[in-house]
Amino acid sequence: MVNIFFKIEEKLFFDEEIIFDEIKIRKFIFDFLEKMLVEKSDSEKPFCFEEIVYDFFEYMNISLIKTKKSRDFGIDGIIKLKLDFLGSIDVGLQIKYKLIDSNDIDIFLSALKNSELQLGVVVCRDARRLDNYKLNSKLKAILFSRGIELKEKLIKENVDINPVFIMKFEEIINIVALQMRNFVKAVYKK
């Protein structure tokens, strides 16, 4: 099967009304993918979404090993990130065609642990606010009371203490749109 983002490229690169405007590109990609998802039955949508995400990583030239549908311990794939002279890092991937919350993250953390992976990415349709995974004010107070000094800037920032990165569908579309627009800029110089 042909990568969906290469199909989108083929359609976009011949439409001069769209290809020079990143916002129009984003809308085109979103509409194309939404139409594809809407045409599927409710039971097929999660699998279609999963294929879209797999195609995204392929399109971005990121190595990915897909896991089998059964006995995968809740991991849908393993992303292989090459870090030049440092070697490579394996990152667990989970794909959810739904609104996720902190419970989904906790389950994924268990799946990562069972798979002996330290880092993970959850790609989802959308996510609730995941405040449980930020260094909150109580934790900051405990650190101060124990004599651990933090710079004032660090205290004011949200510090992510979770080894899981959340990537929403909208972010995938934005990344692909920017990639396509940059290619057109390089070719047409506008």
Protein backbone atom coordinates (compact mmCIF):
# COMPACT_ATOMS: atom_id res chain seq x y z
CA MET A 1 0.00 0.00 0.00
CA VAL A 2 1.26 3.47 -0.90
CA ASN A 3 2.08 5.86 1.94
CA ILE A 4 -0.90 8.19 2.42
CA PHE A 5 1.34 11.26 2.80
CA PHE A 6 3.02 10.60 -0.56
CA LYS A 7 -0.48 10.40 -2.09
CA ILE A 8 -1.32 13.74 -0.49
CA GLU A 9 1.93 15.19 -1.85
CA GLU A 10 1.03 14.11 -5.38
CA LYS A 11 -2.33 15.88 -5.16
CA LEU A 12 -0.94 19.00 -3.49
CA PHE A 13 2.13 19.67 -5.60
CA PHE A 14 0.00 20.27 -8.69
CA ASP A 15 -2.42 22.67 -7.01
CA GLU A 16 -0.83 26.12 -6.99
CA GLU A 17 -3.76 27.64 -5.12
CA ILE A 18 -2.88 25.54 -2.06
CA ILE A 19 0.80 24.65 -2.11
CA PHE A 20 2.14 28.15 -1.42
CA ASP A 21 0.08 28.63 1.75
CA GLU A 22 0.87 26.50 4.83
CA ILE A 23 -2.59 27.05 6.33
CA LYS A 24 -4.28 25.79 3.16
CA ILE A 25 -1.92 22.81 3.10
CA ARG A 26 -2.85 21.96 6.71
CA LYS A 27 -6.55 22.21 5.90
CA PHE A 28 -6.13 20.05 2.78
CA ILE A 29 -4.25 17.34 4.72
CA PHE A 30 -6.76 17.42 7.58
CA ASP A 31 -9.75 17.21 5.23
CA PHE A 32 -8.14 14.40 3.22
CA LEU A 33 -7.38 12.31 6.32
CA GLU A 34 -10.73 13.06 7.99
CA LYS A 35 -12.58 11.98 4.85
CA MET A 36 -10.57 8.78 4.84
CA LEU A 37 -11.45 8.11 8.50
CA VAL A 38 -15.15 9.02 8.13
CA GLU A 39 -15.52 6.49 5.31
CA LYS A 40 -14.47 3.68 7.68
CA SER A 41 -16.78 1.88 10.06
CA ASP A 42 -16.37 2.54 13.78
CA SER A 43 -14.50 -0.73 14.22
CA GLU A 44 -12.11 0.07 11.31
CA LYS A 45 -11.28 3.67 12.32
CA PRO A 46 -8.65 2.79 14.97
CA PHE A 47 -6.82 0.55 12.48
CA CYS A 48 -6.99 3.20 9.77
CA PHE A 49 -5.66 5.80 12.23
CA GLU A 50 -2.85 3.39 13.14
CA GLU A 51 -1.86 3.08 9.46
CA ILE A 52 -1.88 6.88 9.11
CA VAL A 53 0.52 7.16 12.06
CA TYR A 54 2.78 4.42 10.67
CA ASP A 55 2.80 6.26 7.33
CA PHE A 56 3.70 9.51 9.14
CA PHE A 57 6.85 8.00 10.63
CA GLU A 58 7.78 6.47 7.28
CA TYR A 59 7.16 9.83 5.55
CA MET A 60 9.41 11.56 8.10
CA ASN A 61 12.06 8.88 7.44
CA ILE A 62 12.05 7.63 11.03
CA SER A 63 12.77 3.92 11.46
CA LEU A 64 9.85 2.03 12.97
CA ILE A 65 9.28 -1.61 13.78
CA LYS A 66 5.58 -2.50 13.91
CA THR A 67 4.57 -5.05 16.50
CA LYS A 68 2.11 -7.84 15.88
CA LYS A 69 -1.52 -7.25 16.79
CA SER A 70 -1.45 -9.77 19.63
CA ARG A 71 0.91 -10.25 22.54
CA ASP A 72 2.56 -6.88 21.95
CA PHE A 73 2.20 -5.86 25.62
CA GLY A 74 0.35 -2.67 24.62
CA ILE A 75 3.12 -1.45 22.34
CA ASP A 76 2.12 -0.75 18.71
CA GLY A 77 5.67 -0.26 17.51
CA ILE A 78 9.23 0.61 18.38
CA ILE A 79 10.79 3.77 16.99
CA LYS A 80 14.52 3.53 16.33
CA LEU A 81 16.16 6.92 16.77
CA LYS A 82 19.73 7.14 15.54
CA LEU A 83 21.90 9.50 17.59
CA ASP A 84 25.02 9.52 15.40
CA PHE A 85 28.04 8.57 17.47
CA LEU A 86 25.93 7.85 20.58
CA GLY A 87 24.20 4.91 18.93
CA SER A 88 20.45 4.54 18.84
CA ILE A 89 17.53 4.73 21.24
CA ASP A 90 14.45 2.53 21.17
CA VAL A 91 11.22 4.38 21.92
CA GLY A 92 7.93 2.56 22.48
CA LEU A 93 4.98 3.68 20.39
CA GLN A 94 1.31 3.45 21.24
CA ILE A 95 -1.42 4.69 18.93
CA LYS A 96 -4.86 5.61 20.28
CA TYR A 97 -7.80 6.72 18.17
CA LYS A 98 -9.52 8.37 21.09
CA LEU A 99 -9.26 11.11 23.68
CA ILE A 100 -6.64 9.88 26.13
CA ASP A 101 -6.24 10.69 29.81
CA SER A 102 -3.77 9.94 32.60
CA ASN A 103 -5.13 6.40 32.99
CA ASP A 104 -4.04 5.62 29.40
CA ILE A 105 -0.59 6.99 30.17
CA ASP A 106 -0.29 4.84 33.31
CA ILE A 107 -1.20 1.73 31.30
CA PHE A 108 1.33 2.67 28.62
CA LEU A 109 4.03 3.20 31.26
CA SER A 110 3.38 -0.36 32.47
CA ALA A 111 3.62 -1.61 28.88
CA LEU A 112 6.95 0.21 28.47
CA LYS A 113 8.27 -1.33 31.66
CA ASN A 114 7.16 -4.83 30.56
CA SER A 115 8.89 -4.29 27.22
CA GLU A 116 12.03 -3.01 28.97
CA LEU A 117 11.79 0.35 27.22
CA GLN A 118 12.56 3.62 29.02
CA LEU A 119 10.86 6.11 26.71
CA GLY A 120 7.59 6.18 24.85
CA VAL A 121 5.40 8.15 22.48
CA VAL A 122 1.62 8.06 22.51
CA VAL A 123 0.07 9.29 19.28
CA CYS A 124 -3.59 10.07 19.81
CA ARG A 125 -6.57 11.77 18.33
CA ASP A 126 -6.62 14.18 21.28
CA ALA A 127 -5.65 14.30 24.97
CA ARG A 128 -7.05 15.74 28.17
CA ARG A 129 -4.84 17.96 30.31
CA LEU A 130 -2.34 15.63 31.89
CA ASP A 131 -1.48 17.61 35.01
CA ASN A 132 -0.49 14.45 36.92
CA TYR A 133 2.71 14.37 34.91
CA LYS A 134 3.97 17.86 35.74
CA LEU A 135 6.13 18.85 38.68
CA ASN A 136 3.41 20.48 40.77
CA SER A 137 3.66 23.03 43.56
CA LYS A 138 3.48 20.41 46.34
CA LEU A 139 6.47 18.60 44.89
CA LYS A 140 8.33 21.92 44.58
CA ALA A 141 7.60 22.65 48.26
CA ILE A 142 8.90 19.20 49.27
CA LEU A 143 12.09 19.75 47.30
CA PHE A 144 12.65 23.10 49.03
CA SER A 145 11.96 21.65 52.48
CA ARG A 146 14.54 18.91 51.85
CA GLY A 147 17.18 21.51 51.03
CA ILE A 148 17.24 20.85 47.33
CA GLU A 149 17.87 24.16 45.64
CA LEU A 150 16.26 24.81 42.31
CA LYS A 151 16.89 27.86 40.23
CA GLU A 152 13.98 30.29 40.24
CA LYS A 153 13.46 29.79 36.51
CA LEU A 154 13.04 26.04 36.96
CA ILE A 155 10.42 26.56 39.65
CA LYS A 156 8.34 28.79 37.42
CA GLU A 157 8.45 26.33 34.51
CA ASN A 158 6.44 23.17 34.14
CA VAL A 159 8.89 20.31 34.41
CA ASP A 160 7.90 17.12 32.66
CA ILE A 161 8.82 14.13 34.83
CA ASN A 162 7.15 11.60 32.57
CA PRO A 163 9.15 9.49 30.09
CA VAL A 164 6.17 9.54 27.72
CA PHE A 165 5.71 12.13 24.99
CA ILE A 166 2.15 12.84 23.80
CA MET A 167 1.71 13.65 20.12
CA LYS A 168 -1.74 14.67 18.91
CA PHE A 169 -3.17 14.12 15.41
CA GLU A 170 -3.17 17.89 14.87
CA GLU A 171 0.60 17.99 15.51
CA ILE A 172 1.21 15.31 12.89
CA ILE A 173 -0.73 17.36 10.36
CA ASN A 174 1.23 20.52 11.27
CA ILE A 175 4.58 18.73 10.91
CA VAL A 176 3.68 17.25 7.52
CA ALA A 177 2.26 20.57 6.26
CA LEU A 178 5.45 22.37 7.25
CA GLN A 179 7.57 19.68 5.60
CA MET A 180 5.61 19.98 2.34
CA ARG A 181 5.63 23.77 2.40
CA ASN A 182 9.41 23.84 3.01
CA PHE A 183 9.96 21.52 0.04
CA VAL A 184 7.91 23.82 -2.19
CA LYS A 185 9.83 26.86 -0.88
CA ALA A 186 13.11 25.18 -1.79
CA VAL A 187 11.92 24.30 -5.29
CA TYR A 188 10.02 27.48 -6.21
CA LYS A 189 11.92 29.97 -4.02
CA LYS A 190 8.63 31.46 -2.79
